Amino acid sequence: MVPILSLAEHLLARGRRLRSAGFFHEAQKPLERMLSLPEQNNSLSAETLGMLAEMSLRRGKYKRAVRQLESALGIFPTCPQFLYLMGRALERSKARIAATQAEMEQAAANYLACLENDPNHIEARTALGRLRLRQGLVEEGVSILRHGFQANPDRYVSFLALYRGLRLARAFAEAKKLLNEVRFRFAGDLRFGMLLGRLDFDRSVRQQRRQANEKARVLPFLRIADPVPQPDQSPSRPTRMFIRLDPPANPSIPFALRKSTKRKSS
């Protein structure tokens, strides 16, 4: 017997491959064509709408993502992932225009509905804690993030959200204790190493400012010098470029601004 190839499954598989490779614009075409086919399976249609909404979120198309998620939630209204993505689309944390208070409350309602259906959804819990911090509810947001970190202590995302929340709440002692606690747990994580490097840089900057009594300090700088003619070159066509360290006391005059020694003929 020859197996029958489903066009809908073929388009969905092609969209998955392009999406996993990061080609969101190319993946959108087969997925939208799949939705246009008549008499589609509800599960396939919901999965397709979810992928389209996730790609729309990454591309910054928040209104389009809301429409796609509304269609997906119409098929499966209790899907935790769809509820989480709807909260992200309504919150629009990376949008140029900040979300209104009503949109924030709708996003929080979607996060809570997601956690009711899946209490271990760490992304929704972290997003809810960050949203409460944005709304000014610092204690509630830190409590939510602390519970999320206790439930998932090996997730770097939950640690980073709690650490930033504690610093925002000015609980610096608890934040320092948390950082020392996870220092060996995330020792091989590149993101944790970058965080430690940034903290060390800020600490050294504060120390230098205290030593300098808040006075500005002039430092030498590197710059690419203008083309200067060498002995074996034509003065009118210098071609060599070199890097030179100019101290702030006696910077050299740029070659283009030097006075010309040639006089115009009368």
C-alpha atoms as a PDB file:
ATOM      1  CA  MET A   1       0.000   0.000   0.000  1.00  0.00           C
ATOM      2  CA  VAL A   2       1.298   3.440  -0.918  1.00  0.00           C
ATOM      3  CA  PRO A   3       1.163   5.857   2.043  1.00  0.00           C
ATOM      4  CA  ILE A   4      -0.977   8.947   1.507  1.00  0.00           C
ATOM      5  CA  LEU A   5       0.882  12.222   2.086  1.00  0.00           C
ATOM      6  CA  SER A   6      -1.209  14.866   3.826  1.00  0.00           C
ATOM      7  CA  LEU A   7      -0.703  18.345   2.413  1.00  0.00           C
ATOM      8  CA  ALA A   8      -1.528  19.941   5.767  1.00  0.00           C
ATOM      9  CA  GLU A   9       1.069  17.864   7.627  1.00  0.00           C
ATOM     10  CA  HIS A  10       3.637  18.590   4.934  1.00  0.00           C
ATOM     11  CA  LEU A  11       3.099  22.350   5.197  1.00  0.00           C
ATOM     12  CA  LEU A  12       3.178  22.187   8.980  1.00  0.00           C
ATOM     13  CA  ALA A  13       6.433  20.218   8.976  1.00  0.00           C
ATOM     14  CA  ARG A  14       7.989  22.692   6.554  1.00  0.00           C
ATOM     15  CA  GLY A  15       6.919  25.578   8.760  1.00  0.00           C
ATOM     16  CA  ARG A  16       8.446  23.863  11.800  1.00  0.00           C
ATOM     17  CA  ARG A  17      11.785  23.401  10.055  1.00  0.00           C
ATOM     18  CA  LEU A  18      11.972  27.005   8.862  1.00  0.00           C
ATOM     19  CA  ARG A  19      10.917  28.297  12.276  1.00  0.00           C
ATOM     20  CA  SER A  20      13.538  26.234  14.089  1.00  0.00           C
ATOM     21  CA  ALA A  21      16.182  27.634  11.708  1.00  0.00           C
ATOM     22  CA  GLY A  22      15.111  31.212  12.437  1.00  0.00           C
ATOM     23  CA  PHE A  23      13.546  31.965   9.036  1.00  0.00           C
ATOM     24  CA  PHE A  24      10.333  33.439  10.417  1.00  0.00           C
ATOM     25  CA  HIS A  25       9.287  35.275   7.275  1.00  0.00           C
ATOM     26  CA  GLU A  26       9.718  32.157   5.125  1.00  0.00           C
ATOM     27  CA  ALA A  27       7.972  29.930   7.697  1.00  0.00           C
ATOM     28  CA  GLN A  28       4.915  32.162   7.721  1.00  0.00           C
ATOM     29  CA  LYS A  29       3.933  31.325   4.124  1.00  0.00           C
ATOM     30  CA  PRO A  30       3.458  27.529   4.430  1.00  0.00           C
ATOM     31  CA  LEU A  31       1.741  27.919   7.807  1.00  0.00           C
ATOM     32  CA  GLU A  32      -0.762  30.454   6.497  1.00  0.00           C
ATOM     33  CA  ARG A  33      -1.379  28.261   3.458  1.00  0.00           C
ATOM     34  CA  MET A  34      -2.044  25.349   5.780  1.00  0.00           C
ATOM     35  CA  LEU A  35      -4.696  27.379   7.613  1.00  0.00           C
ATOM     36  CA  SER A  36      -6.382  28.220   4.306  1.00  0.00           C
ATOM     37  CA  LEU A  37      -7.013  24.531   3.517  1.00  0.00           C
ATOM     38  CA  PRO A  38     -10.637  23.425   4.064  1.00  0.00           C
ATOM     39  CA  GLU A  39     -11.733  21.028   6.841  1.00  0.00           C
ATOM     40  CA  GLN A  40      -8.593  21.153   8.940  1.00  0.00           C
ATOM     41  CA  ASN A  41      -7.968  19.263  12.152  1.00  0.00           C
ATOM     42  CA  ASN A  42      -8.435  21.425  15.261  1.00  0.00           C
ATOM     43  CA  SER A  43      -5.183  20.315  16.882  1.00  0.00           C
ATOM     44  CA  LEU A  44      -3.147  21.084  13.754  1.00  0.00           C
ATOM     45  CA  SER A  45      -4.836  24.455  13.328  1.00  0.00           C
ATOM     46  CA  ALA A  46      -4.206  25.394  16.978  1.00  0.00           C
ATOM     47  CA  GLU A  47      -0.548  24.382  16.746  1.00  0.00           C
ATOM     48  CA  THR A  48      -0.138  26.407  13.568  1.00  0.00           C
ATOM     49  CA  LEU A  49      -1.742  29.486  15.128  1.00  0.00           C
ATOM     50  CA  GLY A  50       0.497  29.128  18.177  1.00  0.00           C
ATOM     51  CA  MET A  51       3.642  29.027  16.050  1.00  0.00           C
ATOM     52  CA  LEU A  52       2.502  32.022  14.026  1.00  0.00           C
ATOM     53  CA  ALA A  53       1.780  33.960  17.227  1.00  0.00           C
ATOM     54  CA  GLU A  54       5.175  33.128  18.695  1.00  0.00           C
ATOM     55  CA  MET A  55       6.933  34.291  15.537  1.00  0.00           C
ATOM     56  CA  SER A  56       4.846  37.468  15.503  1.00  0.00           C
ATOM     57  CA  LEU A  57       5.949  38.174  19.078  1.00  0.00           C
ATOM     58  CA  ARG A  58       9.608  37.770  18.165  1.00  0.00           C
ATOM     59  CA  ARG A  59       9.188  40.073  15.182  1.00  0.00           C
ATOM     60  CA  GLY A  60       7.401  42.722  17.247  1.00  0.00           C
ATOM     61  CA  LYS A  61       3.976  42.257  15.590  1.00  0.00           C
ATOM     62  CA  TYR A  62       1.990  42.344  18.835  1.00  0.00           C
ATOM     63  CA  LYS A  63      -1.460  43.148  17.455  1.00  0.00           C
ATOM     64  CA  ARG A  64      -1.158  40.348  14.927  1.00  0.00           C
ATOM     65  CA  ALA A  65      -0.070  37.982  17.697  1.00  0.00           C
ATOM     66  CA  VAL A  66      -3.146  38.907  19.752  1.00  0.00           C
ATOM     67  CA  ARG A  67      -5.459  38.089  16.827  1.00  0.00           C
ATOM     68  CA  GLN A  68      -3.739  34.762  16.191  1.00  0.00           C
ATOM     69  CA  LEU A  69      -3.851  33.800  19.859  1.00  0.00           C
ATOM     70  CA  GLU A  70      -7.520  34.690  20.098  1.00  0.00           C
ATOM     71  CA  SER A  71      -8.183  32.186  17.306  1.00  0.00           C
ATOM     72  CA  ALA A  72      -5.988  29.579  19.010  1.00  0.00           C
ATOM     73  CA  LEU A  73      -7.700  30.071  22.377  1.00  0.00           C
ATOM     74  CA  GLY A  74     -11.036  29.720  20.623  1.00  0.00           C
ATOM     75  CA  ILE A  75     -10.025  26.151  19.816  1.00  0.00           C
ATOM     76  CA  PHE A  76      -8.246  25.288  23.106  1.00  0.00           C
ATOM     77  CA  PRO A  77      -9.220  27.895  25.742  1.00  0.00           C
ATOM     78  CA  THR A  78      -7.277  26.225  28.585  1.00  0.00           C
ATOM     79  CA  CYS A  79      -3.925  25.708  26.833  1.00  0.00           C
ATOM     80  CA  PRO A  80      -1.231  27.067  29.205  1.00  0.00           C
ATOM     81  CA  GLN A  81       1.188  28.008  26.438  1.00  0.00           C
ATOM     82  CA  PHE A  82      -1.431  29.984  24.525  1.00  0.00           C
ATOM     83  CA  LEU A  83      -2.439  31.830  27.696  1.00  0.00           C
ATOM     84  CA  TYR A  84       1.185  32.675  28.429  1.00  0.00           C
ATOM     85  CA  LEU A  85       1.786  33.961  24.907  1.00  0.00           C
ATOM     86  CA  MET A  86      -1.393  36.038  25.112  1.00  0.00           C
ATOM     87  CA  GLY A  87      -0.102  37.644  28.292  1.00  0.00           C
ATOM     88  CA  ARG A  88       3.195  38.445  26.589  1.00  0.00           C
ATOM     89  CA  ALA A  89       1.404  39.949  23.602  1.00  0.00           C
ATOM     90  CA  LEU A  90      -0.801  42.124  25.808  1.00  0.00           C
ATOM     91  CA  GLU A  91       2.056  43.227  28.019  1.00  0.00           C
ATOM     92  CA  ARG A  92       4.265  44.219  25.058  1.00  0.00           C
ATOM     93  CA  SER A  93       7.339  44.534  27.271  1.00  0.00           C
ATOM     94  CA  LYS A  94       9.609  45.060  24.245  1.00  0.00           C
ATOM     95  CA  ALA A  95       7.292  47.338  22.304  1.00  0.00           C
ATOM     96  CA  ARG A  96       8.100  50.952  21.601  1.00  0.00           C
ATOM     97  CA  ILE A  97       4.812  52.048  23.179  1.00  0.00           C
ATOM     98  CA  ALA A  98       4.319  51.011  26.807  1.00  0.00           C
ATOM     99  CA  ALA A  99       1.295  48.908  27.682  1.00  0.00           C
ATOM    100  CA  THR A 100      -1.662  50.592  29.382  1.00  0.00           C
ATOM    101  CA  GLN A 101      -2.852  49.639  32.857  1.00  0.00           C
ATOM    102  CA  ALA A 102      -5.816  47.732  31.409  1.00  0.00           C
ATOM    103  CA  GLU A 103      -3.546  45.722  29.124  1.00  0.00           C
ATOM    104  CA  MET A 104      -1.275  44.930  32.076  1.00  0.00           C
ATOM    105  CA  GLU A 105      -4.229  43.636  34.075  1.00  0.00           C
ATOM    106  CA  GLN A 106      -5.355  41.499  31.138  1.00  0.00           C
ATOM    107  CA  ALA A 107      -1.834  40.145  30.816  1.00  0.00           C
ATOM    108  CA  ALA A 108      -1.766  39.320  34.536  1.00  0.00           C
ATOM    109  CA  ALA A 109      -5.118  37.528  34.204  1.00  0.00           C
ATOM    110  CA  ASN A 110      -3.706  35.393  31.384  1.00  0.00           C
ATOM    111  CA  TYR A 111      -0.595  34.559  33.416  1.00  0.00           C
ATOM    112  CA  LEU A 112      -2.760  33.532  36.370  1.00  0.00           C
ATOM    113  CA  ALA A 113      -4.969  31.383  34.133  1.00  0.00           C
ATOM    114  CA  CYS A 114      -1.847  29.744  32.720  1.00  0.00           C
ATOM    115  CA  LEU A 115      -0.581  28.947  36.228  1.00  0.00           C
ATOM    116  CA  GLU A 116      -3.965  27.521  37.206  1.00  0.00           C
ATOM    117  CA  ASN A 117      -3.716  25.017  34.380  1.00  0.00           C
ATOM    118  CA  ASP A 118       0.045  24.437  34.758  1.00  0.00           C
ATOM    119  CA  PRO A 119       1.506  25.466  38.153  1.00  0.00           C
ATOM    120  CA  ASN A 120       5.030  24.540  36.980  1.00  0.00           C
ATOM    121  CA  HIS A 121       5.040  26.992  34.050  1.00  0.00           C
ATOM    122  CA  ILE A 122       8.134  28.923  35.110  1.00  0.00           C
ATOM    123  CA  GLU A 123       7.978  31.420  32.237  1.00  0.00           C
ATOM    124  CA  ALA A 124       4.474  32.526  33.211  1.00  0.00           C
ATOM    125  CA  ARG A 125       5.383  32.855  36.890  1.00  0.00           C
ATOM    126  CA  THR A 126       8.503  34.869  36.078  1.00  0.00           C
ATOM    127  CA  ALA A 127       6.582  37.110  33.682  1.00  0.00           C
ATOM    128  CA  LEU A 128       3.876  37.678  36.319  1.00  0.00           C
ATOM    129  CA  GLY A 129       6.467  38.697  38.910  1.00  0.00           C
ATOM    130  CA  ARG A 130       8.139  41.107  36.488  1.00  0.00           C
ATOM    131  CA  LEU A 131       4.748  42.566  35.580  1.00  0.00           C
ATOM    132  CA  ARG A 132       3.933  43.247  39.231  1.00  0.00           C
ATOM    133  CA  LEU A 133       7.276  44.999  39.598  1.00  0.00           C
ATOM    134  CA  ARG A 134       6.469  47.174  36.575  1.00  0.00           C
ATOM    135  CA  GLN A 135       3.123  48.051  38.140  1.00  0.00           C
ATOM    136  CA  GLY A 136       4.819  49.181  41.344  1.00  0.00           C
ATOM    137  CA  LEU A 137       3.711  46.194  43.463  1.00  0.00           C
ATOM    138  CA  VAL A 138       7.243  45.417  44.597  1.00  0.00           C
ATOM    139  CA  GLU A 139       6.460  43.146  47.552  1.00  0.00           C
ATOM    140  CA  GLU A 140       3.978  41.043  45.593  1.00  0.00           C
ATOM    141  CA  GLY A 141       6.329  40.781  42.621  1.00  0.00           C
ATOM    142  CA  VAL A 142       9.298  39.726  44.777  1.00  0.00           C
ATOM    143  CA  SER A 143       7.134  37.147  46.555  1.00  0.00           C
ATOM    144  CA  ILE A 144       6.057  35.640  43.235  1.00  0.00           C
ATOM    145  CA  LEU A 145       9.637  35.556  41.943  1.00  0.00           C
ATOM    146  CA  ARG A 146      10.899  34.040  45.208  1.00  0.00           C
ATOM    147  CA  HIS A 147       8.336  31.250  44.957  1.00  0.00           C
ATOM    148  CA  GLY A 148       9.310  30.652  41.330  1.00  0.00           C
ATOM    149  CA  PHE A 149      12.991  30.359  42.229  1.00  0.00           C
ATOM    150  CA  GLN A 150      12.263  27.950  45.083  1.00  0.00           C
ATOM    151  CA  ALA A 151      10.252  25.754  42.722  1.00  0.00           C
ATOM    152  CA  ASN A 152      12.941  25.861  39.983  1.00  0.00           C
ATOM    153  CA  PRO A 153      16.329  26.568  41.616  1.00  0.00           C
ATOM    154  CA  ASP A 154      18.285  25.266  38.606  1.00  0.00           C
ATOM    155  CA  ARG A 155      16.759  27.695  36.091  1.00  0.00           C
ATOM    156  CA  TYR A 156      18.902  30.744  35.404  1.00  0.00           C
ATOM    157  CA  VAL A 157      15.872  32.751  34.255  1.00  0.00           C
ATOM    158  CA  SER A 158      14.151  32.370  37.638  1.00  0.00           C
ATOM    159  CA  PHE A 159      17.347  33.316  39.502  1.00  0.00           C
ATOM    160  CA  LEU A 160      17.984  36.420  37.381  1.00  0.00           C
ATOM    161  CA  ALA A 161      14.400  37.641  37.769  1.00  0.00           C
ATOM    162  CA  LEU A 162      14.542  37.209  41.562  1.00  0.00           C
ATOM    163  CA  TYR A 163      17.964  38.874  41.793  1.00  0.00           C
ATOM    164  CA  ARG A 164      16.814  41.925  39.846  1.00  0.00           C
ATOM    165  CA  GLY A 165      13.596  42.070  41.836  1.00  0.00           C
ATOM    166  CA  LEU A 166      15.493  42.055  45.136  1.00  0.00           C
ATOM    167  CA  ARG A 167      17.758  44.849  43.961  1.00  0.00           C
ATOM    168  CA  LEU A 168      14.743  46.841  42.812  1.00  0.00           C
ATOM    169  CA  ALA A 169      13.177  46.338  46.255  1.00  0.00           C
ATOM    170  CA  ARG A 170      16.499  47.539  47.751  1.00  0.00           C
ATOM    171  CA  ALA A 171      17.005  44.227  49.563  1.00  0.00           C
ATOM    172  CA  PHE A 172      20.722  44.265  48.785  1.00  0.00           C
ATOM    173  CA  ALA A 173      21.702  41.904  51.606  1.00  0.00           C
ATOM    174  CA  GLU A 174      19.335  39.195  50.394  1.00  0.00           C
ATOM    175  CA  ALA A 175      20.414  39.749  46.786  1.00  0.00           C
ATOM    176  CA  LYS A 176      24.086  39.324  47.765  1.00  0.00           C
ATOM    177  CA  LYS A 177      23.253  36.183  49.703  1.00  0.00           C
ATOM    178  CA  LEU A 178      21.378  34.796  46.691  1.00  0.00           C
ATOM    179  CA  LEU A 179      24.319  35.565  44.400  1.00  0.00           C
ATOM    180  CA  ASN A 180      26.744  33.717  46.667  1.00  0.00           C
ATOM    181  CA  GLU A 181      24.326  30.802  46.917  1.00  0.00           C
ATOM    182  CA  VAL A 182      24.143  30.172  43.173  1.00  0.00           C
ATOM    183  CA  ARG A 183      27.780  31.003  42.406  1.00  0.00           C
ATOM    184  CA  PHE A 184      28.800  27.347  42.093  1.00  0.00           C
ATOM    185  CA  ARG A 185      25.463  26.210  40.678  1.00  0.00           C
ATOM    186  CA  PHE A 186      25.808  28.369  37.554  1.00  0.00           C
ATOM    187  CA  ALA A 187      29.610  28.333  37.403  1.00  0.00           C
ATOM    188  CA  GLY A 188      29.697  27.083  33.808  1.00  0.00           C
ATOM    189  CA  ASP A 189      26.900  29.302  32.528  1.00  0.00           C
ATOM    190  CA  LEU A 190      28.109  32.034  30.173  1.00  0.00           C
ATOM    191  CA  ARG A 191      25.232  34.344  31.149  1.00  0.00           C
ATOM    192  CA  PHE A 192      26.161  34.076  34.816  1.00  0.00           C
ATOM    193  CA  GLY A 193      29.782  34.855  33.985  1.00  0.00           C
ATOM    194  CA  MET A 194      28.694  37.975  32.100  1.00  0.00           C
ATOM    195  CA  LEU A 195      26.588  39.044  35.076  1.00  0.00           C
ATOM    196  CA  LEU A 196      29.551  38.652  37.443  1.00  0.00           C
ATOM    197  CA  GLY A 197      31.751  40.619  35.045  1.00  0.00           C
ATOM    198  CA  ARG A 198      29.239  43.447  34.926  1.00  0.00           C
ATOM    199  CA  LEU A 199      28.965  43.536  38.712  1.00  0.00           C
ATOM    200  CA  ASP A 200      32.762  43.614  39.080  1.00  0.00           C
ATOM    201  CA  PHE A 201      32.968  46.466  36.561  1.00  0.00           C
ATOM    202  CA  ASP A 202      30.344  48.524  38.405  1.00  0.00           C
ATOM    203  CA  ARG A 203      32.129  47.855  41.702  1.00  0.00           C
ATOM    204  CA  SER A 204      35.475  49.033  40.314  1.00  0.00           C
ATOM    205  CA  VAL A 205      33.857  52.168  38.876  1.00  0.00           C
ATOM    206  CA  ARG A 206      32.375  53.055  42.258  1.00  0.00           C
ATOM    207  CA  GLN A 207      35.719  52.443  43.941  1.00  0.00           C
ATOM    208  CA  GLN A 208      37.573  54.698  41.489  1.00  0.00           C
ATOM    209  CA  ARG A 209      35.009  57.440  41.963  1.00  0.00           C
ATOM    210  CA  ARG A 210      35.444  57.301  45.724  1.00  0.00           C
ATOM    211  CA  GLN A 211      39.215  57.481  45.385  1.00  0.00           C
ATOM    212  CA  ALA A 212      39.027  60.397  42.938  1.00  0.00           C
ATOM    213  CA  ASN A 213      36.511  62.299  45.097  1.00  0.00           C
ATOM    214  CA  GLU A 214      34.063  62.484  42.188  1.00  0.00           C
ATOM    215  CA  LYS A 215      36.587  64.403  40.047  1.00  0.00           C
ATOM    216  CA  ALA A 216      36.838  63.807  36.328  1.00  0.00           C
ATOM    217  CA  ARG A 217      40.004  62.102  35.124  1.00  0.00           C
ATOM    218  CA  VAL A 218      41.572  62.645  31.687  1.00  0.00           C
ATOM    219  CA  LEU A 219      42.895  59.454  30.119  1.00  0.00           C
ATOM    220  CA  PRO A 220      44.916  58.877  26.930  1.00  0.00           C
ATOM    221  CA  PHE A 221      43.050  57.437  23.993  1.00  0.00           C
ATOM    222  CA  LEU A 222      43.710  55.475  20.837  1.00  0.00           C
ATOM    223  CA  ARG A 223      42.673  56.784  17.477  1.00  0.00           C
ATOM    224  CA  ILE A 224      43.342  55.959  13.844  1.00  0.00           C
ATOM    225  CA  ALA A 225      45.742  58.614  12.615  1.00  0.00           C
ATOM    226  CA  ASP A 226      45.230  60.459   9.355  1.00  0.00           C
ATOM    227  CA  PRO A 227      47.325  59.328   6.373  1.00  0.00           C
ATOM    228  CA  VAL A 228      50.780  60.840   6.767  1.00  0.00           C
ATOM    229  CA  PRO A 229      53.279  60.664   3.893  1.00  0.00           C
ATOM    230  CA  GLN A 230      56.241  58.410   4.523  1.00  0.00           C
ATOM    231  CA  PRO A 231      59.777  59.037   3.119  1.00  0.00           C
ATOM    232  CA  ASP A 232      59.235  56.582   0.298  1.00  0.00           C
ATOM    233  CA  GLN A 233      55.819  57.957  -0.711  1.00  0.00           C
ATOM    234  CA  SER A 234      54.504  60.873  -2.656  1.00  0.00           C
ATOM    235  CA  PRO A 235      53.431  63.748  -0.389  1.00  0.00           C
ATOM    236  CA  SER A 236      50.272  64.280  -2.424  1.00  0.00           C
ATOM    237  CA  ARG A 237      49.126  60.626  -2.183  1.00  0.00           C
ATOM    238  CA  PRO A 238      49.817  59.142   1.246  1.00  0.00           C
ATOM    239  CA  THR A 239      48.494  55.596   1.471  1.00  0.00           C
ATOM    240  CA  ARG A 240      49.774  54.141   4.741  1.00  0.00           C
ATOM    241  CA  MET A 241      47.585  54.114   7.843  1.00  0.00           C
ATOM    242  CA  PHE A 242      48.765  53.381  11.372  1.00  0.00           C
ATOM    243  CA  ILE A 243      47.406  53.495  14.925  1.00  0.00           C
ATOM    244  CA  ARG A 244      49.028  56.016  17.235  1.00  0.00           C
ATOM    245  CA  LEU A 245      48.619  56.771  20.943  1.00  0.00           C
ATOM    246  CA  ASP A 246      48.063  60.490  21.432  1.00  0.00           C
ATOM    247  CA  PRO A 247      48.313  61.806  24.998  1.00  0.00           C
ATOM    248  CA  PRO A 248      45.713  64.425  25.914  1.00  0.00           C
ATOM    249  CA  ALA A 249      48.361  67.101  26.502  1.00  0.00           C
ATOM    250  CA  ASN A 250      49.645  67.468  22.930  1.00  0.00           C
ATOM    251  CA  PRO A 251      47.271  65.890  20.407  1.00  0.00           C
ATOM    252  CA  SER A 252      48.487  66.001  16.851  1.00  0.00           C
ATOM    253  CA  ILE A 253      46.717  68.152  14.303  1.00  0.00           C
ATOM    254  CA  PRO A 254      44.661  66.089  11.842  1.00  0.00           C
ATOM    255  CA  PHE A 255      46.271  65.878   8.437  1.00  0.00           C
ATOM    256  CA  ALA A 256      43.187  67.212   6.691  1.00  0.00           C
ATOM    257  CA  LEU A 257      43.186  70.369   8.839  1.00  0.00           C
ATOM    258  CA  ARG A 258      46.879  71.285   8.455  1.00  0.00           C
ATOM    259  CA  LYS A 259      47.643  74.517   6.670  1.00  0.00           C
ATOM    260  CA  SER A 260      48.765  74.068   3.138  1.00  0.00           C
ATOM    261  CA  THR A 261      52.299  75.271   2.390  1.00  0.00           C
ATOM    262  CA  LYS A 262      51.466  75.909  -1.272  1.00  0.00           C
ATOM    263  CA  ARG A 263      50.543  79.469  -2.184  1.00  0.00           C
ATOM    264  CA  LYS A 264      48.107  80.343  -4.877  1.00  0.00           C
ATOM    265  CA  SER A 265      49.683  81.892  -7.903  1.00  0.00           C
ATOM    266  CA  SER A 266      48.636  85.491  -8.514  1.00  0.00           C
END
